[in-house]
Amino acid sequence: TEELINYFPYDYAAPRSAQQPFSSNVAVFPSPFTAGRKL
């Protein structure tokens, strides 16, 4: 599953420098799989 998800590029904010080479992006929202759960 993770390889299908990561096949596509996503528009996350870019990090500022190579010394801290990551930016993180978190979101919480309702799950379409089962009512009452979240992703």
PDB file of all heavy atoms in Angstrom:
ATOM      1  N   THR A   1       0.811  -1.213   0.000  1.00  0.00           N
ATOM      2  CA  THR A   1       0.000   0.000   0.000  1.00  0.00           C
ATOM      3  C   THR A   1       0.845   1.263   0.000  1.00  0.00           C
ATOM      4  O   THR A   1       0.564   2.224  -0.734  1.00  0.00           O
ATOM      5  CB  THR A   1      -0.939   0.002   1.219  1.00  0.00           C
ATOM      6  OG1 THR A   1      -1.744  -1.179   1.184  1.00  0.00           O
ATOM      7  CG2 THR A   1      -1.837   1.219   1.215  1.00  0.00           C
ATOM      8  N   GLU A   2       1.899   1.285   0.812  1.00  0.00           N
ATOM      9  CA  GLU A   2       2.724   2.503   0.902  1.00  0.00           C
ATOM     10  C   GLU A   2       3.409   2.818  -0.424  1.00  0.00           C
ATOM     11  O   GLU A   2       3.659   3.993  -0.734  1.00  0.00           O
ATOM     12  CB  GLU A   2       3.759   2.363   2.027  1.00  0.00           C
ATOM     13  CG  GLU A   2       4.903   1.413   1.763  1.00  0.00           C
ATOM     14  CD  GLU A   2       4.573  -0.058   2.003  1.00  0.00           C
ATOM     15  OE1 GLU A   2       3.396  -0.351   2.313  1.00  0.00           O
ATOM     16  OE2 GLU A   2       5.474  -0.900   1.885  1.00  0.00           O
ATOM     17  N   GLU A   3       3.715   1.802  -1.234  1.00  0.00           N
ATOM     18  CA  GLU A   3       4.378   2.057  -2.510  1.00  0.00           C
ATOM     19  C   GLU A   3       3.404   2.619  -3.534  1.00  0.00           C
ATOM     20  O   GLU A   3       3.805   3.390  -4.415  1.00  0.00           O
ATOM     21  CB  GLU A   3       5.049   0.783  -3.019  1.00  0.00           C
ATOM     22  CG  GLU A   3       6.195   0.325  -2.132  1.00  0.00           C
ATOM     23  CD  GLU A   3       7.020  -0.782  -2.749  1.00  0.00           C
ATOM     24  OE1 GLU A   3       7.008  -0.952  -3.983  1.00  0.00           O
ATOM     25  OE2 GLU A   3       7.704  -1.501  -1.979  1.00  0.00           O
ATOM     26  N   LEU A   4       2.134   2.246  -3.438  1.00  0.00           N
ATOM     27  CA  LEU A   4       1.143   2.869  -4.304  1.00  0.00           C
ATOM     28  C   LEU A   4       0.934   4.325  -3.896  1.00  0.00           C
ATOM     29  O   LEU A   4       0.878   5.217  -4.747  1.00  0.00           O
ATOM     30  CB  LEU A   4      -0.178   2.096  -4.240  1.00  0.00           C
ATOM     31  CG  LEU A   4      -0.353   0.973  -5.276  1.00  0.00           C
ATOM     32  CD1 LEU A   4       0.621  -0.172  -5.019  1.00  0.00           C
ATOM     33  CD2 LEU A   4      -1.785   0.467  -5.302  1.00  0.00           C
ATOM     34  N   ILE A   5       0.852   4.575  -2.598  1.00  0.00           N
ATOM     35  CA  ILE A   5       0.672   5.957  -2.129  1.00  0.00           C
ATOM     36  C   ILE A   5       1.848   6.830  -2.537  1.00  0.00           C
ATOM     37  O   ILE A   5       1.682   7.949  -3.043  1.00  0.00           O
ATOM     38  CB  ILE A   5       0.496   5.981  -0.597  1.00  0.00           C
ATOM     39  CG1 ILE A   5      -0.790   5.273  -0.181  1.00  0.00           C
ATOM     40  CG2 ILE A   5       0.509   7.416  -0.076  1.00  0.00           C
ATOM     41  CD1 ILE A   5      -0.934   5.100   1.316  1.00  0.00           C
ATOM     42  N   ASN A   6       3.068   6.337  -2.352  1.00  0.00           N
ATOM     43  CA  ASN A   6       4.265   7.147  -2.584  1.00  0.00           C
ATOM     44  C   ASN A   6       4.719   7.167  -4.034  1.00  0.00           C
ATOM     45  O   ASN A   6       5.749   7.769  -4.347  1.00  0.00           O
ATOM     46  CB  ASN A   6       5.398   6.658  -1.677  1.00  0.00           C
ATOM     47  CG  ASN A   6       5.172   7.040  -0.225  1.00  0.00           C
ATOM     48  OD1 ASN A   6       4.770   8.162   0.069  1.00  0.00           O
ATOM     49  ND2 ASN A   6       5.407   6.104   0.678  1.00  0.00           N
ATOM     50  N   TYR A   7       3.957   6.535  -4.925  1.00  0.00           N
ATOM     51  CA  TYR A   7       4.251   6.650  -6.350  1.00  0.00           C
ATOM     52  C   TYR A   7       4.017   8.078  -6.835  1.00  0.00           C
ATOM     53  O   TYR A   7       4.656   8.543  -7.770  1.00  0.00           O
ATOM     54  CB  TYR A   7       3.359   5.681  -7.135  1.00  0.00           C
ATOM     55  CG  TYR A   7       3.611   5.668  -8.624  1.00  0.00           C
ATOM     56  CD1 TYR A   7       4.629   4.899  -9.173  1.00  0.00           C
ATOM     57  CD2 TYR A   7       2.826   6.434  -9.489  1.00  0.00           C
ATOM     58  CE1 TYR A   7       4.855   4.888 -10.539  1.00  0.00           C
ATOM     59  CE2 TYR A   7       3.046   6.420 -10.855  1.00  0.00           C
ATOM     60  CZ  TYR A   7       4.066   5.646 -11.377  1.00  0.00           C
ATOM     61  OH  TYR A   7       4.294   5.634 -12.737  1.00  0.00           O
ATOM     62  N   PHE A   8       3.135   8.793  -6.150  1.00  0.00           N
ATOM     63  CA  PHE A   8       2.738  10.126  -6.587  1.00  0.00           C
ATOM     64  C   PHE A   8       3.450  11.211  -5.776  1.00  0.00           C
ATOM     65  O   PHE A   8       3.627  11.061  -4.566  1.00  0.00           O
ATOM     66  CB  PHE A   8       1.228  10.301  -6.422  1.00  0.00           C
ATOM     67  CG  PHE A   8       0.425   9.275  -7.158  1.00  0.00           C
ATOM     68  CD1 PHE A   8       0.028   8.109  -6.516  1.00  0.00           C
ATOM     69  CD2 PHE A   8       0.085   9.455  -8.482  1.00  0.00           C
ATOM     70  CE1 PHE A   8      -0.699   7.143  -7.191  1.00  0.00           C
ATOM     71  CE2 PHE A   8      -0.637   8.487  -9.168  1.00  0.00           C
ATOM     72  CZ  PHE A   8      -1.029   7.329  -8.523  1.00  0.00           C
ATOM     73  N   PRO A   9       3.860  12.286  -6.426  1.00  0.00           N
ATOM     74  CA  PRO A   9       4.407  13.429  -5.674  1.00  0.00           C
ATOM     75  C   PRO A   9       3.272  14.215  -5.028  1.00  0.00           C
ATOM     76  O   PRO A   9       2.154  14.268  -5.553  1.00  0.00           O
ATOM     77  CB  PRO A   9       5.104  14.256  -6.759  1.00  0.00           C
ATOM     78  CG  PRO A   9       4.366  13.915  -8.020  1.00  0.00           C
ATOM     79  CD  PRO A   9       3.909  12.496  -7.884  1.00  0.00           C
ATOM     80  N   TYR A  10       3.564  14.806  -3.880  1.00  0.00           N
ATOM     81  CA  TYR A  10       2.561  15.598  -3.162  1.00  0.00           C
ATOM     82  C   TYR A  10       3.119  16.982  -2.871  1.00  0.00           C
ATOM     83  O   TYR A  10       4.329  17.161  -2.709  1.00  0.00           O
ATOM     84  CB  TYR A  10       2.149  14.892  -1.873  1.00  0.00           C
ATOM     85  CG  TYR A  10       1.497  13.544  -2.118  1.00  0.00           C
ATOM     86  CD1 TYR A  10       2.229  12.359  -1.999  1.00  0.00           C
ATOM     87  CD2 TYR A  10       0.160  13.451  -2.503  1.00  0.00           C
ATOM     88  CE1 TYR A  10       1.640  11.126  -2.246  1.00  0.00           C
ATOM     89  CE2 TYR A  10      -0.442  12.220  -2.747  1.00  0.00           C
ATOM     90  CZ  TYR A  10       0.302  11.057  -2.619  1.00  0.00           C
ATOM     91  OH  TYR A  10      -0.281   9.845  -2.865  1.00  0.00           O
ATOM     92  N   ASP A  11       2.210  17.934  -2.789  1.00  0.00           N
ATOM     93  CA  ASP A  11       2.606  19.334  -2.681  1.00  0.00           C
ATOM     94  C   ASP A  11       2.782  19.743  -1.223  1.00  0.00           C
ATOM     95  O   ASP A  11       2.009  20.531  -0.679  1.00  0.00           O
ATOM     96  CB  ASP A  11       1.551  20.218  -3.361  1.00  0.00           C
ATOM     97  CG  ASP A  11       2.014  21.663  -3.488  1.00  0.00           C
ATOM     98  OD1 ASP A  11       3.235  21.902  -3.432  1.00  0.00           O
ATOM     99  OD2 ASP A  11       1.148  22.549  -3.637  1.00  0.00           O
ATOM    100  N   TYR A  12       3.822  19.195  -0.573  1.00  0.00           N
ATOM    101  CA  TYR A  12       4.144  19.578   0.796  1.00  0.00           C
ATOM    102  C   TYR A  12       5.135  20.737   0.768  1.00  0.00           C
ATOM    103  O   TYR A  12       5.918  20.886  -0.184  1.00  0.00           O
ATOM    104  CB  TYR A  12       4.757  18.408   1.566  1.00  0.00           C
ATOM    105  CG  TYR A  12       3.891  17.169   1.624  1.00  0.00           C
ATOM    106  CD1 TYR A  12       4.459  15.898   1.615  1.00  0.00           C
ATOM    107  CD2 TYR A  12       2.500  17.264   1.694  1.00  0.00           C
ATOM    108  CE1 TYR A  12       3.660  14.759   1.668  1.00  0.00           C
ATOM    109  CE2 TYR A  12       1.703  16.140   1.746  1.00  0.00           C
ATOM    110  CZ  TYR A  12       2.294  14.883   1.727  1.00  0.00           C
ATOM    111  OH  TYR A  12       1.502  13.766   1.779  1.00  0.00           O
ATOM    112  N   ALA A  13       5.123  21.519   1.821  1.00  0.00           N
ATOM    113  CA  ALA A  13       6.063  22.645   1.912  1.00  0.00           C
ATOM    114  C   ALA A  13       7.500  22.130   1.921  1.00  0.00           C
ATOM    115  O   ALA A  13       7.813  21.131   2.580  1.00  0.00           O
ATOM    116  CB  ALA A  13       5.777  23.445   3.176  1.00  0.00           C
ATOM    117  N   ALA A  14       8.365  22.807   1.190  1.00  0.00           N
ATOM    118  CA  ALA A  14       9.759  22.372   1.075  1.00  0.00           C
ATOM    119  C   ALA A  14      10.573  22.829   2.279  1.00  0.00           C
ATOM    120  O   ALA A  14      10.303  23.900   2.855  1.00  0.00           O
ATOM    121  CB  ALA A  14      10.375  22.934  -0.204  1.00  0.00           C
ATOM    122  N   PRO A  15      11.575  22.059   2.696  1.00  0.00           N
ATOM    123  CA  PRO A  15      12.466  22.492   3.778  1.00  0.00           C
ATOM    124  C   PRO A  15      13.345  23.647   3.322  1.00  0.00           C
ATOM    125  O   PRO A  15      13.539  23.859   2.123  1.00  0.00           O
ATOM    126  CB  PRO A  15      13.290  21.239   4.071  1.00  0.00           C
ATOM    127  CG  PRO A  15      13.254  20.457   2.807  1.00  0.00           C
ATOM    128  CD  PRO A  15      11.919  20.719   2.187  1.00  0.00           C
ATOM    129  N   ARG A  16      13.903  24.349   4.292  1.00  0.00           N
ATOM    130  CA  ARG A  16      14.652  25.551   3.961  1.00  0.00           C
ATOM    131  C   ARG A  16      16.089  25.289   3.561  1.00  0.00           C
ATOM    132  O   ARG A  16      16.680  26.052   2.800  1.00  0.00           O
ATOM    133  CB  ARG A  16      14.618  26.504   5.160  1.00  0.00           C
ATOM    134  CG  ARG A  16      13.226  26.998   5.505  1.00  0.00           C
ATOM    135  CD  ARG A  16      13.250  27.929   6.715  1.00  0.00           C
ATOM    136  NE  ARG A  16      11.911  28.423   7.044  1.00  0.00           N
ATOM    137  CZ  ARG A  16      11.656  29.221   8.069  1.00  0.00           C
ATOM    138  NH1 ARG A  16      12.652  29.623   8.872  1.00  0.00           N
ATOM    139  NH2 ARG A  16      10.420  29.622   8.296  1.00  0.00           N
ATOM    140  N   SER A  17      16.700  24.217   4.102  1.00  0.00           N
ATOM    141  CA  SER A  17      18.115  23.986   3.808  1.00  0.00           C
ATOM    142  C   SER A  17      18.409  22.502   3.845  1.00  0.00           C
ATOM    143  O   SER A  17      17.624  21.702   4.374  1.00  0.00           O
ATOM    144  CB  SER A  17      19.013  24.715   4.820  1.00  0.00           C
ATOM    145  OG  SER A  17      18.930  24.090   6.094  1.00  0.00           O
ATOM    146  N   ALA A  18      19.574  22.151   3.305  1.00  0.00           N
ATOM    147  CA  ALA A  18      19.993  20.757   3.291  1.00  0.00           C
ATOM    148  C   ALA A  18      20.436  20.286   4.669  1.00  0.00           C
ATOM    149  O   ALA A  18      20.548  19.079   4.895  1.00  0.00           O
ATOM    150  CB  ALA A  18      21.132  20.575   2.277  1.00  0.00           C
ATOM    151  N   GLN A  19      20.690  21.199   5.596  1.00  0.00           N
ATOM    152  CA  GLN A  19      21.124  20.807   6.934  1.00  0.00           C
ATOM    153  C   GLN A  19      19.964  20.258   7.771  1.00  0.00           C
ATOM    154  O   GLN A  19      20.163  19.446   8.656  1.00  0.00           O
ATOM    155  CB  GLN A  19      21.775  22.003   7.632  1.00  0.00           C
ATOM    156  CG  GLN A  19      23.049  22.482   6.937  1.00  0.00           C
ATOM    157  CD  GLN A  19      24.051  21.353   6.722  1.00  0.00           C
ATOM    158  OE1 GLN A  19      24.401  20.624   7.656  1.00  0.00           O
ATOM    159  NE2 GLN A  19      24.509  21.197   5.481  1.00  0.00           N
ATOM    160  N   GLN A  20      18.758  20.721   7.504  1.00  0.00           N
ATOM    161  CA  GLN A  20      17.559  20.084   8.062  1.00  0.00           C
ATOM    162  C   GLN A  20      16.686  19.738   6.867  1.00  0.00           C
ATOM    163  O   GLN A  20      15.810  20.490   6.465  1.00  0.00           O
ATOM    164  CB  GLN A  20      16.820  21.013   9.024  1.00  0.00           C
ATOM    165  CG  GLN A  20      15.623  20.316   9.684  1.00  0.00           C
ATOM    166  CD  GLN A  20      14.980  21.151  10.769  1.00  0.00           C
ATOM    167  OE1 GLN A  20      15.676  21.789  11.554  1.00  0.00           O
ATOM    168  NE2 GLN A  20      13.654  21.152  10.825  1.00  0.00           N
ATOM    169  N   PRO A  21      16.940  18.562   6.280  1.00  0.00           N
ATOM    170  CA  PRO A  21      16.436  18.264   4.939  1.00  0.00           C
ATOM    171  C   PRO A  21      14.984  17.837   4.867  1.00  0.00           C
ATOM    172  O   PRO A  21      14.538  17.358   3.821  1.00  0.00           O
ATOM    173  CB  PRO A  21      17.353  17.116   4.505  1.00  0.00           C
ATOM    174  CG  PRO A  21      17.688  16.416   5.776  1.00  0.00           C
ATOM    175  CD  PRO A  21      17.771  17.481   6.821  1.00  0.00           C
ATOM    176  N   PHE A  22      14.208  17.997   5.948  1.00  0.00           N
ATOM    177  CA  PHE A  22      12.819  17.587   5.935  1.00  0.00           C
ATOM    178  C   PHE A  22      11.906  18.690   6.422  1.00  0.00           C
ATOM    179  O   PHE A  22      12.261  19.475   7.304  1.00  0.00           O
ATOM    180  CB  PHE A  22      12.578  16.371   6.843  1.00  0.00           C
ATOM    181  CG  PHE A  22      13.183  15.108   6.340  1.00  0.00           C
ATOM    182  CD1 PHE A  22      14.089  14.416   7.112  1.00  0.00           C
ATOM    183  CD2 PHE A  22      12.855  14.607   5.100  1.00  0.00           C
ATOM    184  CE1 PHE A  22      14.653  13.250   6.669  1.00  0.00           C
ATOM    185  CE2 PHE A  22      13.409  13.439   4.633  1.00  0.00           C
ATOM    186  CZ  PHE A  22      14.312  12.758   5.421  1.00  0.00           C
ATOM    187  N   SER A  23      10.720  18.723   5.856  1.00  0.00           N
ATOM    188  CA  SER A  23       9.606  19.458   6.437  1.00  0.00           C
ATOM    189  C   SER A  23       8.503  18.440   6.681  1.00  0.00           C
ATOM    190  O   SER A  23       8.356  17.483   5.924  1.00  0.00           O
ATOM    191  CB  SER A  23       9.116  20.556   5.487  1.00  0.00           C
ATOM    192  OG  SER A  23       8.585  19.976   4.303  1.00  0.00           O
ATOM    193  N   SER A  24       7.740  18.607   7.753  1.00  0.00           N
ATOM    194  CA  SER A  24       6.678  17.659   8.073  1.00  0.00           C
ATOM    195  C   SER A  24       5.320  18.318   7.891  1.00  0.00           C
ATOM    196  O   SER A  24       5.173  19.539   8.052  1.00  0.00           O
ATOM    197  CB  SER A  24       6.826  17.146   9.508  1.00  0.00           C
ATOM    198  OG  SER A  24       6.794  18.211  10.430  1.00  0.00           O
ATOM    199  N   ASN A  25       4.323  17.506   7.550  1.00  0.00           N
ATOM    200  CA  ASN A  25       2.990  18.007   7.299  1.00  0.00           C
ATOM    201  C   ASN A  25       1.995  16.984   7.842  1.00  0.00           C
ATOM    202  O   ASN A  25       2.014  15.821   7.431  1.00  0.00           O
ATOM    203  CB  ASN A  25       2.787  18.221   5.795  1.00  0.00           C
ATOM    204  CG  ASN A  25       1.505  18.946   5.469  1.00  0.00           C
ATOM    205  OD1 ASN A  25       0.427  18.450   5.726  1.00  0.00           O
ATOM    206  ND2 ASN A  25       1.637  20.119   4.874  1.00  0.00           N
ATOM    207  N   VAL A  26       1.138  17.408   8.793  1.00  0.00           N
ATOM    208  CA  VAL A  26       0.208  16.498   9.445  1.00  0.00           C
ATOM    209  C   VAL A  26      -1.214  17.006   9.251  1.00  0.00           C
ATOM    210  O   VAL A  26      -1.469  18.213   9.303  1.00  0.00           O
ATOM    211  CB  VAL A  26       0.517  16.370  10.952  1.00  0.00           C
ATOM    212  CG1 VAL A  26      -0.490  15.446  11.642  1.00  0.00           C
ATOM    213  CG2 VAL A  26       1.936  15.852  11.167  1.00  0.00           C
ATOM    214  N   ALA A  27      -2.139  16.075   9.002  1.00  0.00           N
ATOM    215  CA  ALA A  27      -3.556  16.424   8.888  1.00  0.00           C
ATOM    216  C   ALA A  27      -4.397  15.301   9.486  1.00  0.00           C
ATOM    217  O   ALA A  27      -4.039  14.122   9.388  1.00  0.00           O
ATOM    218  CB  ALA A  27      -3.939  16.651   7.428  1.00  0.00           C
ATOM    219  N   VAL A  28      -5.510  15.671  10.136  1.00  0.00           N
ATOM    220  CA  VAL A  28      -6.460  14.710  10.711  1.00  0.00           C
ATOM    221  C   VAL A  28      -7.825  15.004  10.110  1.00  0.00           C
ATOM    222  O   VAL A  28      -8.260  16.170  10.068  1.00  0.00           O
ATOM    223  CB  VAL A  28      -6.516  14.837  12.250  1.00  0.00           C
ATOM    224  CG1 VAL A  28      -7.497  13.810  12.836  1.00  0.00           C
ATOM    225  CG2 VAL A  28      -5.132  14.659  12.855  1.00  0.00           C
ATOM    226  N   PHE A  29      -8.530  13.963   9.662  1.00  0.00           N
ATOM    227  CA  PHE A  29      -9.829  14.150   9.021  1.00  0.00           C
ATOM    228  C   PHE A  29     -10.634  12.853   9.101  1.00  0.00           C
ATOM    229  O   PHE A  29     -10.067  11.776   9.359  1.00  0.00           O
ATOM    230  CB  PHE A  29      -9.646  14.592   7.565  1.00  0.00           C
ATOM    231  CG  PHE A  29      -8.654  13.777   6.779  1.00  0.00           C
ATOM    232  CD1 PHE A  29      -9.057  12.677   6.027  1.00  0.00           C
ATOM    233  CD2 PHE A  29      -7.295  14.096   6.800  1.00  0.00           C
ATOM    234  CE1 PHE A  29      -8.139  11.929   5.317  1.00  0.00           C
ATOM    235  CE2 PHE A  29      -6.368  13.349   6.089  1.00  0.00           C
ATOM    236  CZ  PHE A  29      -6.787  12.259   5.343  1.00  0.00           C
ATOM    237  N   PRO A  30     -11.944  12.894   8.883  1.00  0.00           N
ATOM    238  CA  PRO A  30     -12.782  11.696   9.005  1.00  0.00           C
ATOM    239  C   PRO A  30     -12.370  10.606   8.019  1.00  0.00           C
ATOM    240  O   PRO A  30     -11.993  10.877   6.881  1.00  0.00           O
ATOM    241  CB  PRO A  30     -14.193  12.212   8.700  1.00  0.00           C
ATOM    242  CG  PRO A  30     -14.137  13.663   9.003  1.00  0.00           C
ATOM    243  CD  PRO A  30     -12.748  14.108   8.635  1.00  0.00           C
ATOM    244  N   SER A  31     -12.474   9.371   8.464  1.00  0.00           N
ATOM    245  CA  SER A  31     -12.136   8.229   7.616  1.00  0.00           C
ATOM    246  C   SER A  31     -13.317   7.871   6.714  1.00  0.00           C
ATOM    247  O   SER A  31     -14.445   7.740   7.206  1.00  0.00           O
ATOM    248  CB  SER A  31     -11.765   7.019   8.475  1.00  0.00           C
ATOM    249  OG  SER A  31     -11.651   5.853   7.669  1.00  0.00           O
ATOM    250  N   PRO A  32     -13.114   7.696   5.425  1.00  0.00           N
ATOM    251  CA  PRO A  32     -14.208   7.249   4.544  1.00  0.00           C
ATOM    252  C   PRO A  32     -14.441   5.738   4.638  1.00  0.00           C
ATOM    253  O   PRO A  32     -15.408   5.235   4.070  1.00  0.00           O
ATOM    254  CB  PRO A  32     -13.705   7.641   3.152  1.00  0.00           C
ATOM    255  CG  PRO A  32     -12.215   7.541   3.250  1.00  0.00           C
ATOM    256  CD  PRO A  32     -11.877   7.951   4.671  1.00  0.00           C
ATOM    257  N   PHE A  33     -13.574   5.025   5.349  1.00  0.00           N
ATOM    258  CA  PHE A  33     -13.724   3.573   5.470  1.00  0.00           C
ATOM    259  C   PHE A  33     -14.841   3.200   6.442  1.00  0.00           C
ATOM    260  O   PHE A  33     -15.688   2.364   6.138  1.00  0.00           O
ATOM    261  CB  PHE A  33     -12.417   2.935   5.933  1.00  0.00           C
ATOM    262  CG  PHE A  33     -11.225   3.240   5.065  1.00  0.00           C
ATOM    263  CD1 PHE A  33      -9.967   3.403   5.628  1.00  0.00           C
ATOM    264  CD2 PHE A  33     -11.356   3.391   3.703  1.00  0.00           C
ATOM    265  CE1 PHE A  33      -8.868   3.691   4.836  1.00  0.00           C
ATOM    266  CE2 PHE A  33     -10.261   3.679   2.895  1.00  0.00           C
ATOM    267  CZ  PHE A  33      -9.007   3.834   3.473  1.00  0.00           C
ATOM    268  N   THR A  34     -14.811   3.803   7.618  1.00  0.00           N
ATOM    269  CA  THR A  34     -15.783   3.484   8.666  1.00  0.00           C
ATOM    270  C   THR A  34     -16.190   4.764   9.377  1.00  0.00           C
ATOM    271  O   THR A  34     -15.326   5.517   9.845  1.00  0.00           O
ATOM    272  CB  THR A  34     -15.188   2.487   9.681  1.00  0.00           C
ATOM    273  OG1 THR A  34     -14.760   1.307   8.999  1.00  0.00           O
ATOM    274  CG2 THR A  34     -16.226   2.114  10.736  1.00  0.00           C
ATOM    275  N   ALA A  35     -17.480   5.003   9.462  1.00  0.00           N
ATOM    276  CA  ALA A  35     -17.981   6.207  10.130  1.00  0.00           C
ATOM    277  C   ALA A  35     -17.559   6.221  11.595  1.00  0.00           C
ATOM    278  O   ALA A  35     -17.576   5.187  12.273  1.00  0.00           O
ATOM    279  CB  ALA A  35     -19.497   6.260  10.015  1.00  0.00           C
ATOM    280  N   GLY A  36     -17.155   7.372  12.062  1.00  0.00           N
ATOM    281  CA  GLY A  36     -16.753   7.527  13.454  1.00  0.00           C
ATOM    282  C   GLY A  36     -15.264   7.379  13.682  1.00  0.00           C
ATOM    283  O   GLY A  36     -14.782   7.659  14.787  1.00  0.00           O
ATOM    284  N   ARG A  37     -14.518   6.928  12.661  1.00  0.00           N
ATOM    285  CA  ARG A  37     -13.059   6.831  12.774  1.00  0.00           C
ATOM    286  C   ARG A  37     -12.407   7.989  12.029  1.00  0.00           C
ATOM    287  O   ARG A  37     -13.053   8.691  11.250  1.00  0.00           O
ATOM    288  CB  ARG A  37     -12.566   5.486  12.232  1.00  0.00           C
ATOM    289  CG  ARG A  37     -13.084   4.300  13.028  1.00  0.00           C
ATOM    290  CD  ARG A  37     -12.655   2.974  12.428  1.00  0.00           C
ATOM    291  NE  ARG A  37     -13.234   1.850  13.173  1.00  0.00           N
ATOM    292  CZ  ARG A  37     -13.209   0.591  12.764  1.00  0.00           C
ATOM    293  NH1 ARG A  37     -12.620   0.263  11.619  1.00  0.00           N
ATOM    294  NH2 ARG A  37     -13.770  -0.360  13.505  1.00  0.00           N
ATOM    295  N   LYS A  38     -11.123   8.178  12.248  1.00  0.00           N
ATOM    296  CA  LYS A  38     -10.402   9.275  11.624  1.00  0.00           C
ATOM    297  C   LYS A  38      -9.119   8.755  10.973  1.00  0.00           C
ATOM    298  O   LYS A  38      -8.619   7.671  11.314  1.00  0.00           O
ATOM    299  CB  LYS A  38     -10.052  10.357  12.651  1.00  0.00           C
ATOM    300  CG  LYS A  38     -11.266  10.997  13.323  1.00  0.00           C
ATOM    301  CD  LYS A  38     -10.844  12.053  14.333  1.00  0.00           C
ATOM    302  CE  LYS A  38     -12.052  12.615  15.075  1.00  0.00           C
ATOM    303  NZ  LYS A  38     -12.953  13.375  14.188  1.00  0.00           N
ATOM    304  N   LEU A  39      -8.597   9.546  10.058  1.00  0.00           N
ATOM    305  CA  LEU A  39      -7.303   9.268   9.434  1.00  0.00           C
ATOM    306  C   LEU A  39      -6.304  10.339   9.852  1.00  0.00           C
ATOM    307  O   LEU A  39      -6.659  11.518   9.950  1.00  0.00           O
ATOM    308  CB  LEU A  39      -7.410   9.239   7.905  1.00  0.00           C
ATOM    309  CG  LEU A  39      -8.300   8.159   7.285  1.00  0.00           C
ATOM    310  CD1 LEU A  39      -8.252   8.251   5.761  1.00  0.00           C
ATOM    311  CD2 LEU A  39      -7.877   6.779   7.743  1.00  0.00           C
TER     312      LEU A  39
END
